[in-house]
Amino acid sequence: MGVVDDLVHARERFERGDLGAAFEAWTNVTPEALAQADLDELATAAFLLGRREVAVQALQRAYGLQLEAGETAAAVRSAFRLCMTFDTGGESAVAAGWAARAQRLLTDVEGDVVERGYVAFLQMSQRVGAADWAGAEELAGSVVDHGRRHTDCDLMAIGLAAQGRLRLYAGRVPEGLALFDEAMAAVASGEVSPIFAGNVYCVMIEGCQEVSDLGRASAWTTALTRWCSAQPGLVAFTGQCAVHRGQIMRLHGDFARAIDEFDAAVERYVAAGTTEAAGLALAERGDVFRILGDLDAAEASYDQAADHGHEPQPGLALLWLARGRSRAAVAATRRILGEVGDPVHRCRILPAAVEIMVAAGAEALGEARTLAAELEEVAASFGCAAVQAMAAHARGRVELADGDASGALPYLRKASAVWAVMDNSYEVARVRVQVGLALRALDDLDSADHELDGARRTFVELGAELEADQVARLLAPDAPPDGLTAREVEVLRIVASGRSNARIAADLVLSEKTVARHLSNIFTKLDLTSRTAAAAYAFEHDLA
């Protein structure tokens, strides 16, 4: 096949969406034989296939040809794309250099050209980086205006998505969600080119996740999955798609598949050269391991997330709480709350913060009440069902801890009903535990046991072993966990205090040989291999 045939073949395959065949045909042609339009499409195919180096080379060559030909506006567009490509690859300094080039070149362009909208988008991103939210929102409006005036669907869609995200951060959540829907209308109708469509999908879904509009997030994650599947060989955006699928699976209690999706997301981020983004997937995986009671695996995931530059909170604080390190959990929570000011990011922290402060006891209960009230205000302004459920659960938890079991029940009932409608059985079970404790406080013991046993069975079905064990102890407080005998619990409790076998033998009036036998039985029943692990188990199960 000759050069002309290769070019025709590449252009036809690209038009049909066969990225792999188009890419292969273009790479059979020497770069000097590629026209500017070929270079532009080659860069698109290469980016979507995860070949960032080839995309960069094609865009840089196109940029050079455009400057030579005096096509300054076209060069601005290439500089914009280079900036975005380097930025998604985590090379922020190089991206900033191309953004500066685009802005400088634009000063030589006369008239109201669409490229002014693309440069406005870069300027908006700079304002976001500087936390200049008002300036960023004004520029996002300019992006949308340019897109509409020039009938540029790509620019209009990404501008609307950016506007929507900024409205969320300003606390104007219903407005932001409406802008997301408008942007997605263009994407869903096929008016937006692939790279911009992928970006809009991810911006919108991440925004919905941030404000816990889980219905929208679920619906658009399904759409993104279909979109990715329709493009064979696609690498770009598949990492984000896997993260979003994992988040939805977690919502519905499909924890094993959620972990698989988060693992796949990490692999795909690495394949696409965006390893920094893997931190989010690792933190999400840590959250699921924590729910499943595999605290060591959770901590390892959180550590990896931190290594990738992602803050693994509040999940890590909840892990510390599960390990009995309430002071560390409280300190971390206070620190995070002090760092985060906008309602969107605070609403992701507040439910865990209330749980941690309540667990810390009477000294932190006033703080828990203040945080629960803030969460209620956020829920009212957002109008999202999941945030309302979180707020009701938090308020019920505080009222119960403060001794008002009757006052707690209406809030807890509301939270349970909302989570049930959303098919989130894990959260329903968590609320049922609180309901059971409230009923106990009111001496309605049979009803309390019914709620607690229902919660326990759900935890068992979902594989949330740690919480299942905790509820089992509430139902039978005198029954030792995991088949341990009463004497083995005594030995384990003393092991957790750091005493030697000889000291344990003296305390319990046993021989050291008998103590050693008890320890061997404990290690076998609990599948442990060291005294340190046994002590950790004792703390996690409130035996120490």
Protein backbone atom coordinates (compact mmCIF):
# COMPACT_ATOMS: atom_id res chain seq x y z
CA MET A 1 0.00 0.00 0.00
CA GLY A 2 1.43 3.40 -1.06
CA VAL A 3 1.54 6.65 0.89
CA VAL A 4 -1.67 7.95 -0.68
CA ASP A 5 -3.48 4.69 0.00
CA ASP A 6 -2.23 4.67 3.61
CA LEU A 7 -3.51 8.22 4.11
CA VAL A 8 -6.90 7.46 2.59
CA HIS A 9 -7.14 4.27 4.66
CA ALA A 10 -6.20 6.16 7.86
CA ARG A 11 -8.71 8.94 7.25
CA GLU A 12 -11.53 6.50 6.49
CA ARG A 13 -10.81 4.35 9.55
CA PHE A 14 -10.60 7.40 11.80
CA GLU A 15 -13.94 8.65 10.49
CA ARG A 16 -15.49 5.27 11.32
CA GLY A 17 -14.02 5.32 14.85
CA ASP A 18 -11.55 2.47 14.22
CA LEU A 19 -8.73 4.19 16.10
CA GLY A 20 -6.29 1.29 16.03
CA ALA A 21 -6.42 0.79 12.25
CA ALA A 22 -6.21 4.54 11.63
CA PHE A 23 -3.22 4.88 13.93
CA GLU A 24 -1.40 1.98 12.28
CA ALA A 25 -1.98 3.41 8.81
CA TRP A 26 -0.78 6.88 9.81
CA THR A 27 2.36 5.52 11.44
CA ASN A 28 3.21 3.72 8.17
CA VAL A 29 3.63 7.16 6.59
CA THR A 30 6.66 9.37 7.18
CA PRO A 31 5.81 12.45 9.28
CA GLU A 32 6.81 14.74 6.40
CA ALA A 33 4.01 13.30 4.26
CA LEU A 34 1.29 14.12 6.81
CA ALA A 35 -0.82 17.22 6.30
CA GLN A 36 -1.86 19.37 9.25
CA ALA A 37 -5.29 17.72 9.36
CA ASP A 38 -3.65 14.27 9.38
CA LEU A 39 -1.38 15.30 12.24
CA ASP A 40 -4.34 16.60 14.20
CA GLU A 41 -6.31 13.37 13.78
CA LEU A 42 -3.21 11.22 14.40
CA ALA A 43 -2.72 13.10 17.69
CA THR A 44 -6.33 12.42 18.64
CA ALA A 45 -6.09 8.70 17.86
CA ALA A 46 -2.74 8.40 19.66
CA PHE A 47 -4.05 10.15 22.79
CA LEU A 48 -7.16 7.96 22.96
CA LEU A 49 -5.05 4.82 22.49
CA GLY A 50 -2.73 5.84 25.33
CA ARG A 51 0.19 6.72 23.04
CA ARG A 52 0.89 10.15 24.53
CA GLU A 53 4.41 10.44 23.11
CA VAL A 54 3.11 10.03 19.56
CA ALA A 55 0.29 12.49 20.24
CA VAL A 56 2.77 15.08 21.50
CA GLN A 57 5.07 14.60 18.50
CA ALA A 58 2.19 15.00 16.06
CA LEU A 59 0.88 18.13 17.76
CA GLN A 60 4.34 19.69 17.97
CA ARG A 61 4.91 19.07 14.26
CA ALA A 62 1.50 20.53 13.43
CA TYR A 63 2.29 23.55 15.59
CA GLY A 64 5.56 24.13 13.75
CA LEU A 65 3.91 23.83 10.32
CA GLN A 66 1.18 26.26 11.36
CA LEU A 67 3.69 28.86 12.50
CA GLU A 68 5.66 28.50 9.26
CA ALA A 69 2.49 28.98 7.24
CA GLY A 70 1.48 32.04 9.28
CA GLU A 71 -1.66 30.23 10.55
CA THR A 72 -1.42 31.70 14.03
CA ALA A 73 -4.97 30.87 15.16
CA ALA A 74 -4.45 27.20 14.23
CA ALA A 75 -1.15 27.25 16.16
CA VAL A 76 -3.03 28.56 19.20
CA ARG A 77 -5.34 25.53 18.98
CA SER A 78 -2.36 23.13 18.77
CA ALA A 79 -0.72 24.85 21.75
CA PHE A 80 -3.99 24.41 23.67
CA ARG A 81 -4.05 20.70 22.91
CA LEU A 82 -0.39 20.29 23.89
CA CYS A 83 -1.10 22.04 27.18
CA MET A 84 -4.02 19.71 27.91
CA THR A 85 -2.05 16.60 26.88
CA PHE A 86 0.90 17.42 29.14
CA ASP A 87 -1.42 18.37 31.99
CA THR A 88 -3.29 15.04 31.91
CA GLY A 89 0.12 13.32 31.98
CA GLY A 90 1.05 15.13 35.18
CA GLU A 91 3.66 17.38 33.52
CA SER A 92 2.22 20.62 34.86
CA ALA A 93 5.31 22.78 34.23
CA VAL A 94 5.45 21.83 30.54
CA ALA A 95 1.69 22.32 30.29
CA ALA A 96 2.04 25.83 31.77
CA GLY A 97 4.65 26.63 29.13
CA TRP A 98 2.29 25.70 26.30
CA ALA A 99 -0.53 27.65 27.95
CA ALA A 100 1.73 30.72 27.98
CA ARG A 101 2.57 30.18 24.30
CA ALA A 102 -1.11 29.96 23.39
CA GLN A 103 -1.87 33.21 25.22
CA ARG A 104 1.12 35.00 23.66
CA LEU A 105 0.22 33.86 20.14
CA LEU A 106 -3.38 34.96 20.59
CA THR A 107 -2.26 38.59 20.93
CA ASP A 108 -1.26 38.44 17.24
CA VAL A 109 -4.71 37.22 16.18
CA GLU A 110 -7.32 39.82 15.27
CA GLY A 111 -11.08 39.56 15.61
CA ASP A 112 -13.47 37.44 17.58
CA VAL A 113 -12.04 34.00 16.80
CA VAL A 114 -13.06 30.81 18.54
CA GLU A 115 -9.50 30.30 19.80
CA ARG A 116 -10.13 33.08 22.32
CA GLY A 117 -12.53 30.67 24.00
CA TYR A 118 -9.88 27.95 24.19
CA VAL A 119 -7.38 30.34 25.73
CA ALA A 120 -10.08 31.50 28.16
CA PHE A 121 -10.40 27.86 29.24
CA LEU A 122 -6.66 27.72 29.99
CA GLN A 123 -6.91 30.97 31.93
CA MET A 124 -9.86 29.57 33.85
CA SER A 125 -7.79 26.52 34.82
CA GLN A 126 -5.06 28.83 36.10
CA ARG A 127 -7.60 30.70 38.25
CA VAL A 128 -8.85 27.39 39.64
CA GLY A 129 -5.28 26.50 40.56
CA ALA A 130 -5.00 29.82 42.40
CA ALA A 131 -8.37 29.24 44.16
CA ASP A 132 -9.75 32.37 42.48
CA TRP A 133 -13.23 30.91 42.15
CA ALA A 134 -14.99 34.11 41.10
CA GLY A 135 -12.45 34.79 38.36
CA ALA A 136 -12.60 31.18 37.23
CA GLU A 137 -16.39 31.25 36.96
CA GLU A 138 -16.32 34.46 34.91
CA LEU A 139 -13.86 32.87 32.48
CA ALA A 140 -15.94 29.68 32.31
CA GLY A 141 -18.85 31.85 31.19
CA SER A 142 -16.61 33.34 28.50
CA VAL A 143 -15.72 29.84 27.29
CA VAL A 144 -19.39 28.97 26.91
CA ASP A 145 -20.15 32.27 25.14
CA HIS A 146 -17.38 31.70 22.60
CA GLY A 147 -18.59 28.15 22.00
CA ARG A 148 -22.13 29.32 21.35
CA ARG A 149 -21.15 32.24 19.10
CA HIS A 150 -18.89 30.06 16.97
CA THR A 151 -21.09 26.93 17.12
CA ASP A 152 -18.18 24.98 18.61
CA CYS A 153 -19.79 22.05 20.43
CA ASP A 154 -16.51 20.94 22.02
CA LEU A 155 -15.85 24.32 23.57
CA MET A 156 -19.43 24.81 24.67
CA ALA A 157 -19.64 21.37 26.32
CA ILE A 158 -16.38 21.65 28.25
CA GLY A 159 -17.27 25.20 29.25
CA LEU A 160 -20.68 24.16 30.57
CA ALA A 161 -19.08 21.29 32.51
CA ALA A 162 -16.55 23.68 34.03
CA GLN A 163 -19.28 26.17 34.88
CA GLY A 164 -21.26 23.39 36.54
CA ARG A 165 -18.31 22.26 38.67
CA LEU A 166 -17.61 25.83 39.79
CA ARG A 167 -21.26 26.35 40.73
CA LEU A 168 -21.01 23.24 42.90
CA TYR A 169 -17.99 24.65 44.71
CA ALA A 170 -19.87 27.91 45.22
CA GLY A 171 -22.62 25.95 46.96
CA ARG A 172 -25.10 26.48 44.11
CA VAL A 173 -25.53 22.77 43.58
CA PRO A 174 -28.89 22.64 41.73
CA GLU A 175 -27.57 25.20 39.21
CA GLY A 176 -24.38 23.23 38.75
CA LEU A 177 -26.22 19.97 38.15
CA ALA A 178 -28.47 21.66 35.58
CA LEU A 179 -25.36 22.85 33.70
CA PHE A 180 -23.98 19.30 33.79
CA ASP A 181 -27.18 18.02 32.21
CA GLU A 182 -26.94 20.64 29.47
CA ALA A 183 -23.34 19.68 28.71
CA MET A 184 -24.20 16.00 28.66
CA ALA A 185 -27.05 16.55 26.23
CA ALA A 186 -24.50 17.54 23.57
CA VAL A 187 -22.24 14.61 24.43
CA ALA A 188 -25.06 12.08 24.36
CA SER A 189 -26.21 13.30 20.95
CA GLY A 190 -22.74 12.74 19.46
CA GLU A 191 -22.05 16.43 18.80
CA VAL A 192 -18.82 16.47 20.87
CA SER A 193 -15.51 15.01 19.66
CA PRO A 194 -14.05 12.03 21.59
CA ILE A 195 -11.40 13.74 23.74
CA PHE A 196 -13.76 16.50 24.83
CA ALA A 197 -16.59 14.00 25.34
CA GLY A 198 -14.41 11.90 27.64
CA ASN A 199 -13.39 14.95 29.63
CA VAL A 200 -16.98 16.13 30.01
CA TYR A 201 -18.12 12.69 31.14
CA CYS A 202 -15.44 12.55 33.82
CA VAL A 203 -15.87 16.14 35.04
CA MET A 204 -19.62 15.59 35.36
CA ILE A 205 -19.43 12.21 37.09
CA GLU A 206 -16.73 13.38 39.51
CA GLY A 207 -18.85 16.42 40.34
CA CYS A 208 -21.90 14.26 40.99
CA GLN A 209 -19.82 11.98 43.22
CA GLU A 210 -18.53 14.99 45.15
CA VAL A 211 -22.03 16.16 46.06
CA SER A 212 -23.29 12.57 46.43
CA ASP A 213 -25.85 12.87 43.64
CA LEU A 214 -25.47 9.14 43.25
CA GLY A 215 -28.43 8.71 40.90
CA ARG A 216 -26.91 10.98 38.28
CA ALA A 217 -23.46 9.52 38.86
CA SER A 218 -24.78 5.99 38.32
CA ALA A 219 -26.71 6.87 35.17
CA TRP A 220 -23.83 8.71 33.54
CA THR A 221 -21.32 6.05 34.60
CA THR A 222 -23.40 3.53 32.67
CA ALA A 223 -23.37 5.89 29.67
CA LEU A 224 -19.59 6.38 29.96
CA THR A 225 -19.09 2.61 30.08
CA ARG A 226 -21.07 2.22 26.85
CA TRP A 227 -19.12 5.08 25.27
CA CYS A 228 -15.76 3.50 26.16
CA SER A 229 -16.87 0.07 24.95
CA ALA A 230 -17.91 1.53 21.59
CA GLN A 231 -14.31 2.60 20.87
CA PRO A 232 -12.07 -0.46 20.45
CA GLY A 233 -8.57 -0.04 21.80
CA LEU A 234 -9.46 3.01 23.89
CA VAL A 235 -7.05 3.62 26.80
CA ALA A 236 -7.72 7.25 27.71
CA PHE A 237 -10.62 7.67 30.16
CA THR A 238 -10.88 3.93 30.84
CA GLY A 239 -9.15 4.39 34.18
CA GLN A 240 -11.70 6.99 35.25
CA CYS A 241 -14.49 4.77 33.95
CA ALA A 242 -13.26 1.86 36.09
CA VAL A 243 -13.09 4.11 39.17
CA HIS A 244 -16.64 5.29 38.62
CA ARG A 245 -17.90 1.74 38.10
CA GLY A 246 -16.16 0.69 41.30
CA GLN A 247 -17.80 3.53 43.19
CA ILE A 248 -21.25 2.49 41.97
CA MET A 249 -20.57 -1.16 42.83
CA ARG A 250 -19.53 -0.11 46.31
CA LEU A 251 -22.78 1.84 46.63
CA HIS A 252 -24.75 -1.34 45.94
CA GLY A 253 -22.61 -3.57 48.18
CA ASP A 254 -20.81 -5.45 45.39
CA PHE A 255 -17.50 -5.07 47.20
CA ALA A 256 -15.46 -7.80 45.51
CA ARG A 257 -16.18 -6.45 42.03
CA ALA A 258 -15.55 -2.91 43.25
CA ILE A 259 -12.03 -3.91 44.28
CA ASP A 260 -11.49 -5.50 40.86
CA GLU A 261 -12.55 -2.25 39.17
CA PHE A 262 -10.24 -0.15 41.34
CA ASP A 263 -7.35 -2.52 40.55
CA ALA A 264 -8.18 -2.20 36.85
CA ALA A 265 -8.27 1.58 37.18
CA VAL A 266 -4.76 1.66 38.63
CA GLU A 267 -3.47 -0.48 35.75
CA ARG A 268 -5.16 1.72 33.16
CA TYR A 269 -3.92 4.96 34.70
CA VAL A 270 -0.40 3.59 34.57
CA ALA A 271 -0.90 2.47 30.94
CA ALA A 272 -2.15 5.95 30.02
CA GLY A 273 0.83 7.60 31.74
CA THR A 274 -1.33 9.27 34.41
CA THR A 275 0.01 7.52 37.50
CA GLU A 276 -0.87 10.46 39.77
CA ALA A 277 -4.57 9.76 39.21
CA ALA A 278 -4.09 6.22 40.49
CA GLY A 279 -4.09 7.64 44.02
CA LEU A 280 -7.87 8.10 43.98
CA ALA A 281 -8.44 4.49 42.91
CA LEU A 282 -6.11 3.26 45.66
CA ALA A 283 -7.91 5.32 48.31
CA GLU A 284 -11.28 4.00 47.12
CA ARG A 285 -9.91 0.45 47.27
CA GLY A 286 -8.73 1.14 50.81
CA ASP A 287 -12.25 2.22 51.78
CA VAL A 288 -13.68 -1.07 50.54
CA PHE A 289 -11.05 -3.16 52.32
CA ARG A 290 -11.85 -1.21 55.50
CA ILE A 291 -15.55 -2.00 55.12
CA LEU A 292 -14.69 -5.68 54.62
CA GLY A 293 -12.66 -5.62 57.84
CA ASP A 294 -9.32 -6.28 56.14
CA LEU A 295 -7.62 -3.43 57.95
CA ASP A 296 -4.08 -4.36 56.93
CA ALA A 297 -5.00 -4.33 53.23
CA ALA A 298 -6.87 -1.07 53.74
CA GLU A 299 -3.87 0.58 55.38
CA ALA A 300 -1.59 -0.63 52.58
CA SER A 301 -3.95 0.88 49.98
CA TYR A 302 -4.12 4.18 51.86
CA ASP A 303 -0.32 4.27 52.06
CA GLN A 304 -0.07 3.69 48.31
CA ALA A 305 -2.63 6.43 47.68
CA ALA A 306 -0.54 8.85 49.74
CA ASP A 307 2.56 7.81 47.78
CA HIS A 308 0.69 8.89 44.64
CA GLY A 309 -0.09 12.29 46.16
CA HIS A 310 -3.71 11.58 47.14
CA GLU A 311 -4.96 12.42 50.65
CA PRO A 312 -6.55 9.15 51.91
CA GLN A 313 -8.83 10.88 54.40
CA PRO A 314 -11.29 10.52 56.00
CA GLY A 315 -10.95 6.79 55.27
CA LEU A 316 -7.63 6.54 57.08
CA ALA A 317 -9.07 8.25 60.18
CA LEU A 318 -11.94 5.74 60.19
CA LEU A 319 -9.34 2.96 59.95
CA TRP A 320 -7.53 4.35 62.97
CA LEU A 321 -10.84 4.49 64.82
CA ALA A 322 -11.44 0.80 63.98
CA ARG A 323 -8.00 0.00 65.37
CA GLY A 324 -8.82 1.78 68.63
CA ARG A 325 -6.70 4.85 67.88
CA SER A 326 -9.44 7.40 68.52
CA ARG A 327 -7.06 10.24 69.42
CA ALA A 328 -5.26 9.92 66.10
CA ALA A 329 -8.59 9.76 64.28
CA VAL A 330 -9.88 12.90 66.02
CA ALA A 331 -6.66 14.83 65.39
CA ALA A 332 -6.64 13.94 61.69
CA THR A 333 -10.30 14.84 61.33
CA ARG A 334 -9.84 18.24 62.94
CA ARG A 335 -6.87 18.90 60.70
CA ILE A 336 -8.77 18.01 57.51
CA LEU A 337 -11.78 20.11 58.49
CA GLY A 338 -9.46 23.03 59.08
CA GLU A 339 -7.98 22.67 55.60
CA VAL A 340 -11.22 22.35 53.65
CA GLY A 341 -13.61 25.29 53.41
CA ASP A 342 -16.00 24.76 50.49
CA PRO A 343 -19.24 22.83 51.11
CA VAL A 344 -18.64 20.28 48.34
CA HIS A 345 -15.43 18.93 49.82
CA ARG A 346 -16.66 19.29 53.41
CA CYS A 347 -19.73 17.19 52.70
CA ARG A 348 -17.37 14.29 51.87
CA ILE A 349 -15.72 14.63 55.29
CA LEU A 350 -18.57 15.58 57.63
CA PRO A 351 -20.32 12.16 57.95
CA ALA A 352 -17.07 10.46 58.98
CA ALA A 353 -16.19 13.43 61.22
CA VAL A 354 -19.45 13.08 63.14
CA GLU A 355 -18.92 9.33 63.56
CA ILE A 356 -15.37 9.86 64.84
CA MET A 357 -16.31 12.64 67.27
CA VAL A 358 -19.21 10.63 68.69
CA ALA A 359 -16.91 7.65 69.19
CA ALA A 360 -14.41 9.91 70.99
CA GLY A 361 -16.90 10.36 73.82
CA ALA A 362 -18.48 13.16 75.81
CA GLU A 363 -15.59 15.59 75.35
CA ALA A 364 -16.15 15.71 71.58
CA LEU A 365 -19.94 15.39 71.53
CA GLY A 366 -20.55 19.14 71.26
CA GLU A 367 -18.23 19.24 68.27
CA ALA A 368 -20.11 16.31 66.73
CA ARG A 369 -23.40 18.18 67.14
CA THR A 370 -22.01 21.28 65.42
CA LEU A 371 -20.71 19.20 62.52
CA ALA A 372 -24.03 17.35 62.18
CA ALA A 373 -25.86 20.69 62.02
CA GLU A 374 -23.49 21.87 59.29
CA LEU A 375 -24.13 18.67 57.34
CA GLU A 376 -27.88 19.28 57.62
CA GLU A 377 -27.43 22.76 56.15
CA VAL A 378 -25.34 21.36 53.30
CA ALA A 379 -27.95 18.66 52.62
CA ALA A 380 -30.73 21.26 52.47
CA SER A 381 -28.82 23.42 49.97
CA PHE A 382 -27.64 20.52 47.79
CA GLY A 383 -30.98 18.74 47.53
CA CYS A 384 -29.24 15.38 46.93
CA ALA A 385 -30.84 12.34 48.54
CA ALA A 386 -27.61 10.68 49.68
CA VAL A 387 -26.41 13.81 51.51
CA GLN A 388 -29.82 14.05 53.18
CA ALA A 389 -29.49 10.43 54.32
CA MET A 390 -25.97 11.10 55.66
CA ALA A 391 -27.22 14.18 57.52
CA ALA A 392 -30.14 12.32 59.07
CA HIS A 393 -27.87 9.47 60.15
CA ALA A 394 -25.36 11.90 61.64
CA ARG A 395 -28.03 13.79 63.57
CA GLY A 396 -29.57 10.55 64.84
CA ARG A 397 -26.16 9.32 65.95
CA VAL A 398 -25.55 12.54 67.91
CA GLU A 399 -28.96 12.51 69.60
CA LEU A 400 -28.49 8.88 70.64
CA ALA A 401 -25.02 9.57 72.04
CA ASP A 402 -26.47 12.54 73.95
CA GLY A 403 -29.04 10.31 75.64
CA ASP A 404 -32.10 11.24 73.56
CA ALA A 405 -33.03 7.89 72.05
CA SER A 406 -36.59 9.00 71.22
CA GLY A 407 -35.28 12.08 69.47
CA ALA A 408 -32.78 10.00 67.51
CA LEU A 409 -35.26 7.54 66.03
CA PRO A 410 -37.04 9.84 63.50
CA TYR A 411 -33.70 10.86 62.01
CA LEU A 412 -32.47 7.28 61.84
CA ARG A 413 -35.73 6.07 60.28
CA LYS A 414 -35.43 8.76 57.61
CA ALA A 415 -31.83 7.80 56.83
CA SER A 416 -32.75 4.12 56.56
CA ALA A 417 -35.64 4.84 54.21
CA VAL A 418 -33.54 6.99 51.86
CA TRP A 419 -30.69 4.48 51.71
CA ALA A 420 -33.19 1.67 51.05
CA VAL A 421 -34.63 3.53 48.06
CA MET A 422 -31.06 3.93 46.75
CA ASP A 423 -30.44 0.17 47.19
CA ASN A 424 -27.53 0.77 49.57
CA SER A 425 -27.94 -2.18 51.90
CA TYR A 426 -24.64 -1.53 53.70
CA GLU A 427 -25.70 1.93 54.85
CA VAL A 428 -29.16 0.62 55.76
CA ALA A 429 -27.48 -1.95 58.02
CA ARG A 430 -25.30 0.71 59.63
CA VAL A 431 -28.35 2.77 60.42
CA ARG A 432 -30.21 -0.28 61.76
CA VAL A 433 -27.46 -0.77 64.33
CA GLN A 434 -28.12 2.73 65.63
CA VAL A 435 -31.88 2.08 65.59
CA GLY A 436 -31.33 -1.10 67.59
CA LEU A 437 -29.26 0.76 70.18
CA ALA A 438 -31.93 3.47 70.45
CA LEU A 439 -34.66 0.86 70.97
CA ARG A 440 -32.57 -0.79 73.66
CA ALA A 441 -32.22 2.53 75.44
CA LEU A 442 -36.03 2.73 75.39
CA ASP A 443 -36.32 -0.84 76.81
CA ASP A 444 -37.98 -2.15 73.62
CA LEU A 445 -35.62 -5.11 73.70
CA ASP A 446 -37.34 -7.48 71.25
CA SER A 447 -37.55 -4.76 68.59
CA ALA A 448 -33.94 -3.85 69.29
CA ASP A 449 -32.78 -7.44 68.77
CA HIS A 450 -34.79 -7.61 65.53
CA GLU A 451 -32.99 -4.53 64.15
CA LEU A 452 -29.57 -5.66 65.31
CA ASP A 453 -29.96 -9.19 63.95
CA GLY A 454 -31.15 -7.81 60.61
CA ALA A 455 -28.07 -5.59 60.47
CA ARG A 456 -25.80 -8.49 61.40
CA ARG A 457 -27.22 -10.70 58.65
CA THR A 458 -26.71 -7.96 56.07
CA PHE A 459 -23.12 -7.43 57.16
CA VAL A 460 -22.48 -11.18 56.88
CA GLU A 461 -24.01 -11.31 53.39
CA LEU A 462 -21.88 -8.35 52.25
CA GLY A 463 -18.69 -9.72 53.80
CA ALA A 464 -18.34 -6.84 56.30
CA GLU A 465 -16.93 -9.20 58.90
CA LEU A 466 -15.70 -6.66 61.43
CA GLU A 467 -19.07 -4.98 61.73
CA ALA A 468 -20.86 -8.35 61.74
CA ASP A 469 -18.71 -9.38 64.72
CA GLN A 470 -19.39 -6.09 66.51
CA VAL A 471 -23.15 -6.52 66.16
CA ALA A 472 -22.92 -10.18 67.19
CA ARG A 473 -21.28 -9.04 70.42
CA LEU A 474 -24.11 -6.56 70.96
CA LEU A 475 -26.60 -9.40 70.58
CA ALA A 476 -24.63 -11.77 72.81
CA PRO A 477 -22.23 -9.60 74.80
CA ASP A 478 -20.92 -12.49 76.90
CA ALA A 479 -20.15 -14.76 73.95
CA PRO A 480 -16.45 -14.76 72.97
CA PRO A 481 -15.80 -13.94 69.28
CA ASP A 482 -14.56 -16.31 66.58
CA GLY A 483 -14.97 -19.47 68.63
CA LEU A 484 -12.58 -18.41 71.39
CA THR A 485 -13.17 -19.85 74.84
CA ALA A 486 -13.56 -17.57 77.84
CA ARG A 487 -10.06 -18.56 79.04
CA GLU A 488 -8.57 -17.82 75.62
CA VAL A 489 -10.15 -14.36 75.72
CA GLU A 490 -8.50 -13.80 79.11
CA VAL A 491 -5.12 -14.84 77.70
CA LEU A 492 -5.61 -12.68 74.60
CA ARG A 493 -6.54 -9.67 76.73
CA ILE A 494 -3.35 -9.98 78.76
CA VAL A 495 -1.23 -10.58 75.62
CA ALA A 496 -2.54 -7.25 74.31
CA SER A 497 -1.15 -5.55 77.42
CA GLY A 498 2.34 -6.69 76.38
CA ARG A 499 2.98 -9.23 79.15
CA SER A 500 5.15 -12.32 78.72
CA ASN A 501 3.97 -15.92 78.97
CA ALA A 502 5.47 -16.16 82.43
CA ARG A 503 3.56 -13.09 83.61
CA ILE A 504 0.32 -14.38 82.06
CA ALA A 505 0.84 -17.71 83.80
CA ALA A 506 1.35 -15.95 87.13
CA ASP A 507 -1.70 -13.70 86.68
CA LEU A 508 -4.03 -16.57 85.74
CA VAL A 509 -2.38 -19.18 88.04
CA LEU A 510 -1.54 -21.44 85.11
CA SER A 511 1.60 -23.16 83.93
CA GLU A 512 3.58 -21.55 81.13
CA LYS A 513 2.95 -24.71 79.06
CA THR A 514 -0.79 -24.19 79.41
CA VAL A 515 -0.47 -20.53 78.42
CA ALA A 516 1.55 -21.57 75.36
CA ARG A 517 -1.20 -24.04 74.41
CA HIS A 518 -3.85 -21.34 74.78
CA LEU A 519 -1.81 -19.00 72.58
CA SER A 520 -1.41 -21.71 69.95
CA ASN A 521 -5.19 -22.24 69.91
CA ILE A 522 -5.77 -18.49 69.65
CA PHE A 523 -3.38 -18.16 66.70
CA THR A 524 -5.04 -21.12 64.94
CA LYS A 525 -8.62 -19.92 65.46
CA LEU A 526 -7.84 -16.35 64.45
CA ASP A 527 -5.37 -17.28 61.66
CA LEU A 528 -2.65 -15.15 63.25
CA THR A 529 1.10 -15.66 63.38
CA SER A 530 2.40 -13.25 66.03
CA ARG A 531 1.67 -11.69 69.40
CA THR A 532 1.58 -8.27 67.72
CA ALA A 533 -1.20 -9.43 65.39
CA ALA A 534 -3.03 -10.96 68.35
CA ALA A 535 -2.81 -7.66 70.25
CA ALA A 536 -4.12 -5.78 67.20
CA TYR A 537 -7.06 -8.22 67.01
CA ALA A 538 -7.81 -7.65 70.69
CA PHE A 539 -7.92 -3.87 70.22
CA GLU A 540 -10.04 -4.12 67.07
CA HIS A 541 -12.57 -6.34 68.87
CA ASP A 542 -12.68 -4.32 72.10
CA LEU A 543 -11.08 -7.12 74.10
CA ALA A 544 -8.15 -5.08 75.41
